[in-house]
């Protein structure tokens, strides 16, 4: 019997890398990396049912590891953003932006 490839191999790796690249943008990378991790788990379950039927489990494991790292980094960045936004004094930020606008000659509306 000829061995097949597990589905979504390329998609898992691409979404994991995309999640890794987007993890610094306020934790947005958690979305594609979470999807990649879910697809990798699904492919692992499919492989566990018939291991002799599939040949590309190593690529799925690689994609899963990339996705897991991206999920963890994105979650940490998201937690940091939430912390920074919740502990920030908004009156200071508004005062600084008002001073910058006055410095550049921009009038408030």
PDB file of N, CA and C in Angstrom:
ATOM      1  N   UNK A   1       0.830  -1.177   0.000  1.00  0.00           N
ATOM      2  CA  UNK A   1       0.000   0.000   0.000  1.00  0.00           C
ATOM      3  C   UNK A   1       0.882   1.250   0.000  1.00  0.00           C
ATOM      4  N   UNK A   2       0.526   2.192  -0.822  1.00  0.00           N
ATOM      5  CA  UNK A   2       1.299   3.421  -0.948  1.00  0.00           C
ATOM      6  C   UNK A   2       0.968   4.380   0.199  1.00  0.00           C
ATOM      7  N   UNK A   3       2.002   5.002   0.753  1.00  0.00           N
ATOM      8  CA  UNK A   3       1.775   5.930   1.854  1.00  0.00           C
ATOM      9  C   UNK A   3       1.303   7.281   1.330  1.00  0.00           C
ATOM     10  N   UNK A   4       0.387   7.880   2.090  1.00  0.00           N
ATOM     11  CA  UNK A   4      -0.165   9.187   1.751  1.00  0.00           C
ATOM     12  C   UNK A   4       0.466  10.246   2.644  1.00  0.00           C
ATOM     13  N   UNK A   5       0.202  11.484   2.273  1.00  0.00           N
ATOM     14  CA  UNK A   5       0.643  12.592   3.125  1.00  0.00           C
ATOM     15  C   UNK A   5      -0.534  13.033   3.982  1.00  0.00           C
ATOM     16  N   UNK A   6      -0.224  13.418   5.217  1.00  0.00           N
ATOM     17  CA  UNK A   6      -1.260  13.948   6.101  1.00  0.00           C
ATOM     18  C   UNK A   6      -1.762  15.287   5.557  1.00  0.00           C
ATOM     19  N   UNK A   7      -3.037  15.571   5.728  1.00  0.00           N
ATOM     20  CA  UNK A   7      -3.571  16.834   5.201  1.00  0.00           C
ATOM     21  C   UNK A   7      -3.061  18.045   5.986  1.00  0.00           C
ATOM     22  N   UNK A   8      -3.054  19.173   5.315  1.00  0.00           N
ATOM     23  CA  UNK A   8      -2.739  20.487   5.904  1.00  0.00           C
ATOM     24  C   UNK A   8      -1.300  20.638   6.367  1.00  0.00           C
ATOM     25  N   UNK A   9      -0.388  19.867   5.835  1.00  0.00           N
ATOM     26  CA  UNK A   9       1.015  19.951   6.250  1.00  0.00           C
ATOM     27  C   UNK A   9       1.587  21.351   6.007  1.00  0.00           C
ATOM     28  N   UNK A  10       1.439  21.843   4.790  1.00  0.00           N
ATOM     29  CA  UNK A  10       1.975  23.160   4.441  1.00  0.00           C
ATOM     30  C   UNK A  10       1.237  24.270   5.176  1.00  0.00           C
ATOM     31  N   UNK A  11      -0.076  24.138   5.295  1.00  0.00           N
ATOM     32  CA  UNK A  11      -0.884  25.150   5.978  1.00  0.00           C
ATOM     33  C   UNK A  11      -0.482  25.282   7.442  1.00  0.00           C
ATOM     34  N   UNK A  12      -0.205  24.169   8.088  1.00  0.00           N
ATOM     35  CA  UNK A  12       0.208  24.201   9.499  1.00  0.00           C
ATOM     36  C   UNK A  12       1.519  24.956   9.664  1.00  0.00           C
ATOM     37  N   UNK A  13       2.473  24.694   8.806  1.00  0.00           N
ATOM     38  CA  UNK A  13       3.772  25.367   8.901  1.00  0.00           C
ATOM     39  C   UNK A  13       3.646  26.851   8.576  1.00  0.00           C
ATOM     40  N   UNK A  14       2.887  27.178   7.527  1.00  0.00           N
ATOM     41  CA  UNK A  14       2.723  28.587   7.139  1.00  0.00           C
ATOM     42  C   UNK A  14       2.002  29.367   8.236  1.00  0.00           C
ATOM     43  N   UNK A  15       0.915  28.818   8.780  1.00  0.00           N
ATOM     44  CA  UNK A  15       0.191  29.519   9.847  1.00  0.00           C
ATOM     45  C   UNK A  15       1.034  29.635  11.112  1.00  0.00           C
ATOM     46  N   UNK A  16       1.838  28.624  11.412  1.00  0.00           N
ATOM     47  CA  UNK A  16       2.723  28.710  12.576  1.00  0.00           C
ATOM     48  C   UNK A  16       3.754  29.808  12.424  1.00  0.00           C
ATOM     49  N   UNK A  17       4.351  29.908  11.249  1.00  0.00           N
ATOM     50  CA  UNK A  17       5.336  30.963  10.995  1.00  0.00           C
ATOM     51  C   UNK A  17       4.661  32.329  10.984  1.00  0.00           C
ATOM     52  N   UNK A  18       3.491  32.435  10.384  1.00  0.00           N
ATOM     53  CA  UNK A  18       2.748  33.698  10.374  1.00  0.00           C
ATOM     54  C   UNK A  18       2.397  34.126  11.800  1.00  0.00           C
ATOM     55  N   UNK A  19       1.977  33.184  12.612  1.00  0.00           N
ATOM     56  CA  UNK A  19       1.690  33.492  14.006  1.00  0.00           C
ATOM     57  C   UNK A  19       2.922  33.957  14.754  1.00  0.00           C
ATOM     58  N   UNK A  20       4.062  33.335  14.442  1.00  0.00           N
ATOM     59  CA  UNK A  20       5.327  33.735  15.066  1.00  0.00           C
ATOM     60  C   UNK A  20       5.705  35.154  14.648  1.00  0.00           C
ATOM     61  N   UNK A  21       5.516  35.479  13.369  1.00  0.00           N
ATOM     62  CA  UNK A  21       5.861  36.814  12.878  1.00  0.00           C
ATOM     63  C   UNK A  21       4.922  37.881  13.421  1.00  0.00           C
ATOM     64  N   UNK A  22       3.677  37.519  13.678  1.00  0.00           N
ATOM     65  CA  UNK A  22       2.677  38.488  14.140  1.00  0.00           C
ATOM     66  C   UNK A  22       2.542  38.544  15.654  1.00  0.00           C
ATOM     67  N   UNK A  23       3.353  37.807  16.384  1.00  0.00           N
ATOM     68  CA  UNK A  23       3.172  37.761  17.837  1.00  0.00           C
ATOM     69  C   UNK A  23       3.470  39.097  18.510  1.00  0.00           C
ATOM     70  N   UNK A  24       4.260  39.935  17.899  1.00  0.00           N
ATOM     71  CA  UNK A  24       4.595  41.217  18.515  1.00  0.00           C
ATOM     72  C   UNK A  24       3.540  42.285  18.279  1.00  0.00           C
ATOM     73  N   UNK A  25       2.580  42.024  17.409  1.00  0.00           N
ATOM     74  CA  UNK A  25       1.534  42.994  17.119  1.00  0.00           C
ATOM     75  C   UNK A  25       0.365  42.802  18.071  1.00  0.00           C
ATOM     76  N   UNK A  26       0.567  43.154  19.330  1.00  0.00           N
ATOM     77  CA  UNK A  26      -0.455  43.096  20.367  1.00  0.00           C
ATOM     78  C   UNK A  26      -1.027  41.697  20.532  1.00  0.00           C
ATOM     79  N   UNK A  27      -0.247  40.674  20.260  1.00  0.00           N
ATOM     80  CA  UNK A  27      -0.703  39.306  20.452  1.00  0.00           C
ATOM     81  C   UNK A  27      -1.608  38.771  19.373  1.00  0.00           C
ATOM     82  N   UNK A  28      -1.672  39.449  18.234  1.00  0.00           N
ATOM     83  CA  UNK A  28      -2.549  39.019  17.142  1.00  0.00           C
ATOM     84  C   UNK A  28      -2.108  37.660  16.592  1.00  0.00           C
ATOM     85  N   UNK A  29      -0.857  37.318  16.750  1.00  0.00           N
ATOM     86  CA  UNK A  29      -0.343  36.048  16.242  1.00  0.00           C
ATOM     87  C   UNK A  29      -0.964  34.833  16.895  1.00  0.00           C
ATOM     88  N   UNK A  30      -1.711  35.043  17.978  1.00  0.00           N
ATOM     89  CA  UNK A  30      -2.353  33.918  18.648  1.00  0.00           C
ATOM     90  C   UNK A  30      -3.424  33.285  17.762  1.00  0.00           C
ATOM     91  N   UNK A  31      -3.995  34.051  16.846  1.00  0.00           N
ATOM     92  CA  UNK A  31      -5.060  33.528  15.978  1.00  0.00           C
ATOM     93  C   UNK A  31      -4.505  32.526  14.957  1.00  0.00           C
ATOM     94  N   UNK A  32      -3.557  32.918  14.081  1.00  0.00           N
ATOM     95  CA  UNK A  32      -3.075  31.915  13.120  1.00  0.00           C
ATOM     96  C   UNK A  32      -2.312  30.761  13.773  1.00  0.00           C
ATOM     97  N   UNK A  33      -1.572  31.048  14.836  1.00  0.00           N
ATOM     98  CA  UNK A  33      -0.835  29.964  15.476  1.00  0.00           C
ATOM     99  C   UNK A  33      -1.766  29.024  16.227  1.00  0.00           C
ATOM    100  N   UNK A  34      -2.851  29.539  16.768  1.00  0.00           N
ATOM    101  CA  UNK A  34      -3.844  28.679  17.405  1.00  0.00           C
ATOM    102  C   UNK A  34      -4.510  27.757  16.398  1.00  0.00           C
ATOM    103  N   UNK A  35      -4.821  28.288  15.225  1.00  0.00           N
ATOM    104  CA  UNK A  35      -5.399  27.477  14.152  1.00  0.00           C
ATOM    105  C   UNK A  35      -4.403  26.403  13.711  1.00  0.00           C
ATOM    106  N   UNK A  36      -3.138  26.780  13.564  1.00  0.00           N
ATOM    107  CA  UNK A  36      -2.109  25.816  13.157  1.00  0.00           C
ATOM    108  C   UNK A  36      -1.952  24.712  14.199  1.00  0.00           C
ATOM    109  N   UNK A  37      -1.982  25.084  15.471  1.00  0.00           N
ATOM    110  CA  UNK A  37      -1.855  24.089  16.535  1.00  0.00           C
ATOM    111  C   UNK A  37      -3.038  23.124  16.518  1.00  0.00           C
ATOM    112  N   UNK A  38      -4.238  23.652  16.311  1.00  0.00           N
ATOM    113  CA  UNK A  38      -5.433  22.813  16.231  1.00  0.00           C
ATOM    114  C   UNK A  38      -5.344  21.836  15.050  1.00  0.00           C
ATOM    115  N   UNK A  39      -4.930  22.338  13.893  1.00  0.00           N
ATOM    116  CA  UNK A  39      -4.810  21.474  12.716  1.00  0.00           C
ATOM    117  C   UNK A  39      -3.740  20.398  12.911  1.00  0.00           C
ATOM    118  N   UNK A  40      -2.649  20.760  13.596  1.00  0.00           N
ATOM    119  CA  UNK A  40      -1.594  19.786  13.856  1.00  0.00           C
ATOM    120  C   UNK A  40      -2.093  18.690  14.797  1.00  0.00           C
ATOM    121  N   UNK A  41      -2.835  19.066  15.815  1.00  0.00           N
ATOM    122  CA  UNK A  41      -3.408  18.068  16.729  1.00  0.00           C
ATOM    123  C   UNK A  41      -4.373  17.142  15.991  1.00  0.00           C
ATOM    124  N   UNK A  42      -5.150  17.722  15.101  1.00  0.00           N
ATOM    125  CA  UNK A  42      -6.097  16.936  14.304  1.00  0.00           C
ATOM    126  C   UNK A  42      -5.352  15.940  13.409  1.00  0.00           C
ATOM    127  N   UNK A  43      -4.270  16.382  12.795  1.00  0.00           N
ATOM    128  CA  UNK A  43      -3.468  15.498  11.944  1.00  0.00           C
ATOM    129  C   UNK A  43      -2.779  14.410  12.766  1.00  0.00           C
ATOM    130  N   UNK A  44      -2.353  14.751  13.991  1.00  0.00           N
ATOM    131  CA  UNK A  44      -1.742  13.742  14.855  1.00  0.00           C
ATOM    132  C   UNK A  44      -2.734  12.639  15.219  1.00  0.00           C
ATOM    133  N   UNK A  45      -3.973  13.027  15.476  1.00  0.00           N
ATOM    134  CA  UNK A  45      -5.000  12.033  15.784  1.00  0.00           C
ATOM    135  C   UNK A  45      -5.252  11.135  14.577  1.00  0.00           C
ATOM    136  N   UNK A  46      -5.258  11.729  13.393  1.00  0.00           N
ATOM    137  CA  UNK A  46      -5.445  10.957  12.173  1.00  0.00           C
ATOM    138  C   UNK A  46      -4.286   9.983  11.977  1.00  0.00           C
ATOM    139  N   UNK A  47      -3.078  10.424  12.271  1.00  0.00           N
ATOM    140  CA  UNK A  47      -1.896   9.567  12.159  1.00  0.00           C
ATOM    141  C   UNK A  47      -1.946   8.432  13.181  1.00  0.00           C
ATOM    142  N   UNK A  48      -2.424   8.723  14.382  1.00  0.00           N
ATOM    143  CA  UNK A  48      -2.479   7.709  15.437  1.00  0.00           C
ATOM    144  C   UNK A  48      -3.430   6.567  15.074  1.00  0.00           C
ATOM    145  N   UNK A  49      -4.444   6.858  14.280  1.00  0.00           N
ATOM    146  CA  UNK A  49      -5.381   5.814  13.872  1.00  0.00           C
ATOM    147  C   UNK A  49      -4.744   4.818  12.912  1.00  0.00           C
ATOM    148  N   UNK A  50      -3.962   5.296  11.947  1.00  0.00           N
ATOM    149  CA  UNK A  50      -3.291   4.450  10.953  1.00  0.00           C
ATOM    150  C   UNK A  50      -1.886   4.965  10.671  1.00  0.00           C
ATOM    151  N   UNK A  51      -0.921   4.677  11.533  1.00  0.00           N
ATOM    152  CA  UNK A  51       0.426   5.227  11.325  1.00  0.00           C
ATOM    153  C   UNK A  51       1.124   4.720  10.066  1.00  0.00           C
ATOM    154  N   UNK A  52       0.801   3.529   9.636  1.00  0.00           N
ATOM    155  CA  UNK A  52       1.467   2.980   8.446  1.00  0.00           C
ATOM    156  C   UNK A  52       0.939   3.594   7.156  1.00  0.00           C
ATOM    157  N   UNK A  53      -0.149   4.334   7.250  1.00  0.00           N
ATOM    158  CA  UNK A  53      -0.783   4.902   6.064  1.00  0.00           C
ATOM    159  C   UNK A  53      -0.168   6.244   5.650  1.00  0.00           C
ATOM    160  N   UNK A  54       0.508   6.938   6.597  1.00  0.00           N
ATOM    161  CA  UNK A  54       0.986   8.297   6.333  1.00  0.00           C
ATOM    162  C   UNK A  54       2.507   8.381   6.455  1.00  0.00           C
ATOM    163  N   UNK A  55       3.089   9.341   5.715  1.00  0.00           N
ATOM    164  CA  UNK A  55       4.551   9.418   5.667  1.00  0.00           C
ATOM    165  C   UNK A  55       5.149  10.736   6.150  1.00  0.00           C
ATOM    166  N   UNK A  56       4.363  11.730   6.427  1.00  0.00           N
ATOM    167  CA  UNK A  56       4.930  13.054   6.712  1.00  0.00           C
ATOM    168  C   UNK A  56       4.665  13.542   8.132  1.00  0.00           C
ATOM    169  N   UNK A  57       4.747  12.658   9.098  1.00  0.00           N
ATOM    170  CA  UNK A  57       4.482  13.051  10.484  1.00  0.00           C
ATOM    171  C   UNK A  57       5.535  14.009  11.024  1.00  0.00           C
ATOM    172  N   UNK A  58       6.767  13.926  10.538  1.00  0.00           N
ATOM    173  CA  UNK A  58       7.818  14.815  11.053  1.00  0.00           C
ATOM    174  C   UNK A  58       7.536  16.273  10.710  1.00  0.00           C
ATOM    175  N   UNK A  59       6.974  16.545   9.525  1.00  0.00           N
ATOM    176  CA  UNK A  59       6.622  17.920   9.163  1.00  0.00           C
ATOM    177  C   UNK A  59       5.478  18.433  10.035  1.00  0.00           C
ATOM    178  N   UNK A  60       4.536  17.558  10.349  1.00  0.00           N
ATOM    179  CA  UNK A  60       3.421  17.955  11.214  1.00  0.00           C
ATOM    180  C   UNK A  60       3.947  18.292  12.610  1.00  0.00           C
ATOM    181  N   UNK A  61       4.872  17.491  13.131  1.00  0.00           N
ATOM    182  CA  UNK A  61       5.449  17.769  14.452  1.00  0.00           C
ATOM    183  C   UNK A  61       6.221  19.087  14.451  1.00  0.00           C
ATOM    184  N   UNK A  62       6.950  19.350  13.371  1.00  0.00           N
ATOM    185  CA  UNK A  62       7.681  20.615  13.256  1.00  0.00           C
ATOM    186  C   UNK A  62       6.720  21.795  13.253  1.00  0.00           C
ATOM    187  N   UNK A  63       5.659  21.697  12.471  1.00  0.00           N
ATOM    188  CA  UNK A  63       4.652  22.758  12.428  1.00  0.00           C
ATOM    189  C   UNK A  63       3.975  22.947  13.768  1.00  0.00           C
ATOM    190  N   UNK A  64       3.740  21.852  14.483  1.00  0.00           N
ATOM    191  CA  UNK A  64       3.105  21.943  15.802  1.00  0.00           C
ATOM    192  C   UNK A  64       4.017  22.664  16.795  1.00  0.00           C
ATOM    193  N   UNK A  65       5.313  22.370  16.750  1.00  0.00           N
ATOM    194  CA  UNK A  65       6.265  23.028  17.644  1.00  0.00           C
ATOM    195  C   UNK A  65       6.341  24.526  17.339  1.00  0.00           C
ATOM    196  N   UNK A  66       6.395  24.877  16.067  1.00  0.00           N
ATOM    197  CA  UNK A  66       6.417  26.295  15.677  1.00  0.00           C
ATOM    198  C   UNK A  66       5.153  26.987  16.162  1.00  0.00           C
ATOM    199  N   UNK A  67       4.006  26.343  15.955  1.00  0.00           N
ATOM    200  CA  UNK A  67       2.730  26.923  16.372  1.00  0.00           C
ATOM    201  C   UNK A  67       2.661  27.078  17.885  1.00  0.00           C
ATOM    202  N   UNK A  68       3.161  26.093  18.626  1.00  0.00           N
ATOM    203  CA  UNK A  68       3.135  26.168  20.084  1.00  0.00           C
ATOM    204  C   UNK A  68       4.000  27.313  20.598  1.00  0.00           C
ATOM    205  N   UNK A  69       5.184  27.476  20.018  1.00  0.00           N
ATOM    206  CA  UNK A  69       6.053  28.592  20.407  1.00  0.00           C
ATOM    207  C   UNK A  69       5.366  29.923  20.097  1.00  0.00           C
ATOM    208  N   UNK A  70       4.733  30.016  18.935  1.00  0.00           N
ATOM    209  CA  UNK A  70       4.048  31.257  18.553  1.00  0.00           C
ATOM    210  C   UNK A  70       2.857  31.537  19.462  1.00  0.00           C
ATOM    211  N   UNK A  71       2.119  30.508  19.862  1.00  0.00           N
ATOM    212  CA  UNK A  71       0.990  30.690  20.775  1.00  0.00           C
ATOM    213  C   UNK A  71       1.483  31.220  22.118  1.00  0.00           C
ATOM    214  N   UNK A  72       2.544  30.636  22.630  1.00  0.00           N
ATOM    215  CA  UNK A  72       3.076  31.066  23.929  1.00  0.00           C
ATOM    216  C   UNK A  72       3.588  32.498  23.855  1.00  0.00           C
ATOM    217  N   UNK A  73       4.355  32.829  22.822  1.00  0.00           N
ATOM    218  CA  UNK A  73       4.862  34.203  22.683  1.00  0.00           C
ATOM    219  C   UNK A  73       3.725  35.201  22.515  1.00  0.00           C
ATOM    220  N   UNK A  74       2.749  34.859  21.712  1.00  0.00           N
ATOM    221  CA  UNK A  74       1.616  35.755  21.489  1.00  0.00           C
ATOM    222  C   UNK A  74       0.815  35.960  22.768  1.00  0.00           C
ATOM    223  N   UNK A  75       0.631  34.890  23.537  1.00  0.00           N
ATOM    224  CA  UNK A  75      -0.090  35.020  24.801  1.00  0.00           C
ATOM    225  C   UNK A  75       0.670  35.911  25.776  1.00  0.00           C
ATOM    226  N   UNK A  76       1.987  35.769  25.827  1.00  0.00           N
ATOM    227  CA  UNK A  76       2.787  36.630  26.710  1.00  0.00           C
ATOM    228  C   UNK A  76       2.707  38.092  26.292  1.00  0.00           C
ATOM    229  N   UNK A  77       2.780  38.348  24.989  1.00  0.00           N
ATOM    230  CA  UNK A  77       2.677  39.719  24.494  1.00  0.00           C
ATOM    231  C   UNK A  77       1.289  40.281  24.786  1.00  0.00           C
ATOM    232  N   UNK A  78       0.255  39.481  24.597  1.00  0.00           N
ATOM    233  CA  UNK A  78      -1.113  39.928  24.867  1.00  0.00           C
ATOM    234  C   UNK A  78      -1.299  40.254  26.345  1.00  0.00           C
ATOM    235  N   UNK A  79      -0.751  39.411  27.216  1.00  0.00           N
ATOM    236  CA  UNK A  79      -0.828  39.678  28.659  1.00  0.00           C
ATOM    237  C   UNK A  79      -0.098  40.967  28.999  1.00  0.00           C
ATOM    238  N   UNK A  80       1.057  41.178  28.377  1.00  0.00           N
ATOM    239  CA  UNK A  80       1.811  42.416  28.628  1.00  0.00           C
ATOM    240  C   UNK A  80       1.034  43.639  28.164  1.00  0.00           C
ATOM    241  N   UNK A  81       0.408  43.571  26.984  1.00  0.00           N
ATOM    242  CA  UNK A  81      -0.390  44.690  26.491  1.00  0.00           C
ATOM    243  C   UNK A  81      -1.548  44.988  27.440  1.00  0.00           C
ATOM    244  N   UNK A  82      -2.213  43.974  27.908  1.00  0.00           N
ATOM    245  CA  UNK A  82      -3.327  44.173  28.832  1.00  0.00           C
ATOM    246  C   UNK A  82      -2.828  44.826  30.110  1.00  0.00           C
ATOM    247  N   UNK A  83      -1.689  44.368  30.606  1.00  0.00           N
ATOM    248  CA  UNK A  83      -1.121  44.953  31.821  1.00  0.00           C
ATOM    249  C   UNK A  83      -0.760  46.424  31.609  1.00  0.00           C
ATOM    250  N   UNK A  84      -0.085  46.712  30.517  1.00  0.00           N
ATOM    251  CA  UNK A  84       0.344  48.092  30.251  1.00  0.00           C
ATOM    252  C   UNK A  84      -0.863  49.010  30.098  1.00  0.00           C
ATOM    253  N   UNK A  85      -1.859  48.564  29.359  1.00  0.00           N
ATOM    254  CA  UNK A  85      -3.032  49.411  29.153  1.00  0.00           C
ATOM    255  C   UNK A  85      -3.852  49.587  30.426  1.00  0.00           C
ATOM    256  N   UNK A  86      -3.876  48.576  31.277  1.00  0.00           N
ATOM    257  CA  UNK A  86      -4.681  48.691  32.491  1.00  0.00           C
ATOM    258  C   UNK A  86      -3.985  49.487  33.593  1.00  0.00           C
ATOM    259  N   UNK A  87      -2.668  49.568  33.571  1.00  0.00           N
ATOM    260  CA  UNK A  87      -1.952  50.293  34.622  1.00  0.00           C
ATOM    261  C   UNK A  87      -1.481  51.669  34.182  1.00  0.00           C
ATOM    262  N   UNK A  88      -1.824  52.072  32.981  1.00  0.00           N
ATOM    263  CA  UNK A  88      -1.350  53.339  32.446  1.00  0.00           C
ATOM    264  C   UNK A  88      -2.231  54.491  32.932  1.00  0.00           C
ATOM    265  N   UNK A  89      -1.614  55.624  33.153  1.00  0.00           N
ATOM    266  CA  UNK A  89      -2.338  56.826  33.538  1.00  0.00           C
ATOM    267  C   UNK A  89      -2.656  57.608  32.265  1.00  0.00           C
ATOM    268  N   UNK A  90      -3.893  57.557  31.841  1.00  0.00           N
ATOM    269  CA  UNK A  90      -4.296  58.146  30.560  1.00  0.00           C
ATOM    270  C   UNK A  90      -4.230  59.669  30.566  1.00  0.00           C
ATOM    271  N   UNK A  91      -4.336  60.294  31.725  1.00  0.00           N
ATOM    272  CA  UNK A  91      -4.264  61.763  31.758  1.00  0.00           C
ATOM    273  C   UNK A  91      -2.871  62.248  31.352  1.00  0.00           C
ATOM    274  N   UNK A  92      -1.831  61.514  31.750  1.00  0.00           N
ATOM    275  CA  UNK A  92      -0.470  61.876  31.338  1.00  0.00           C
ATOM    276  C   UNK A  92      -0.299  61.751  29.828  1.00  0.00           C
ATOM    277  N   UNK A  93      -0.839  60.691  29.261  1.00  0.00           N
ATOM    278  CA  UNK A  93      -0.728  60.489  27.818  1.00  0.00           C
ATOM    279  C   UNK A  93      -1.462  61.591  27.065  1.00  0.00           C
ATOM    280  N   UNK A  94      -2.642  61.958  27.518  1.00  0.00           N
ATOM    281  CA  UNK A  94      -3.400  63.016  26.856  1.00  0.00           C
ATOM    282  C   UNK A  94      -2.675  64.357  26.969  1.00  0.00           C
ATOM    283  N   UNK A  95      -2.077  64.620  28.111  1.00  0.00           N
ATOM    284  CA  UNK A  95      -1.330  65.867  28.299  1.00  0.00           C
ATOM    285  C   UNK A  95      -0.107  65.902  27.379  1.00  0.00           C
ATOM    286  N   UNK A  96       0.601  64.795  27.255  1.00  0.00           N
ATOM    287  CA  UNK A  96       1.763  64.732  26.368  1.00  0.00           C
ATOM    288  C   UNK A  96       1.351  64.923  24.915  1.00  0.00           C
ATOM    289  N   UNK A  97       0.257  64.311  24.501  1.00  0.00           N
ATOM    290  CA  UNK A  97      -0.190  64.471  23.117  1.00  0.00           C
ATOM    291  C   UNK A  97      -0.644  65.901  22.852  1.00  0.00           C
ATOM    292  N   UNK A  98      -1.283  66.548  23.838  1.00  0.00           N
ATOM    293  CA  UNK A  98      -1.691  67.950  23.692  1.00  0.00           C
ATOM    294  C   UNK A  98      -0.462  68.852  23.540  1.00  0.00           C
ATOM    295  N   UNK A  99       0.580  68.594  24.344  1.00  0.00           N
ATOM    296  CA  UNK A  99       1.810  69.380  24.252  1.00  0.00           C
ATOM    297  C   UNK A  99       2.484  69.193  22.896  1.00  0.00           C
ATOM    298  N   UNK A 100       2.491  67.970  22.390  1.00  0.00           N
ATOM    299  CA  UNK A 100       3.093  67.719  21.081  1.00  0.00           C
ATOM    300  C   UNK A 100       2.308  68.422  19.981  1.00  0.00           C
ATOM    301  N   UNK A 101       0.996  68.421  20.083  1.00  0.00           N
ATOM    302  CA  UNK A 101       0.178  69.084  19.070  1.00  0.00           C
ATOM    303  C   UNK A 101       0.422  70.589  19.094  1.00  0.00           C
ATOM    304  N   UNK A 102       0.553  71.166  20.287  1.00  0.00           N
ATOM    305  CA  UNK A 102       0.839  72.597  20.396  1.00  0.00           C
ATOM    306  C   UNK A 102       2.225  72.902  19.838  1.00  0.00           C
ATOM    307  N   UNK A 103       3.171  72.032  20.072  1.00  0.00           N
ATOM    308  CA  UNK A 103       4.529  72.229  19.587  1.00  0.00           C
ATOM    309  C   UNK A 103       4.568  72.228  18.072  1.00  0.00           C
ATOM    310  N   UNK A 104       3.778  71.405  17.443  1.00  0.00           N
ATOM    311  CA  UNK A 104       3.757  71.305  15.989  1.00  0.00           C
ATOM    312  C   UNK A 104       2.744  72.271  15.357  1.00  0.00           C
ATOM    313  N   UNK A 105       2.032  73.005  16.200  1.00  0.00           N
ATOM    314  CA  UNK A 105       1.098  73.990  15.672  1.00  0.00           C
ATOM    315  C   UNK A 105      -0.222  73.407  15.188  1.00  0.00           C
ATOM    316  N   UNK A 106      -0.585  72.253  15.685  1.00  0.00           N
ATOM    317  CA  UNK A 106      -1.848  71.614  15.300  1.00  0.00           C
ATOM    318  C   UNK A 106      -2.908  72.012  16.329  1.00  0.00           C
ATOM    319  N   UNK A 107      -4.013  72.519  15.828  1.00  0.00           N
ATOM    320  CA  UNK A 107      -5.075  72.956  16.724  1.00  0.00           C
ATOM    321  C   UNK A 107      -6.023  71.808  17.034  1.00  0.00           C
ATOM    322  N   UNK A 108      -6.537  71.815  18.275  1.00  0.00           N
ATOM    323  CA  UNK A 108      -7.518  70.809  18.651  1.00  0.00           C
ATOM    324  C   UNK A 108      -8.874  71.197  18.104  1.00  0.00           C
ATOM    325  N   UNK A 109      -9.668  70.197  17.826  1.00  0.00           N
ATOM    326  CA  UNK A 109     -11.004  70.477  17.288  1.00  0.00           C
ATOM    327  C   UNK A 109     -12.049  70.342  18.351  1.00  0.00           C
TER     328      UNK A 109
END
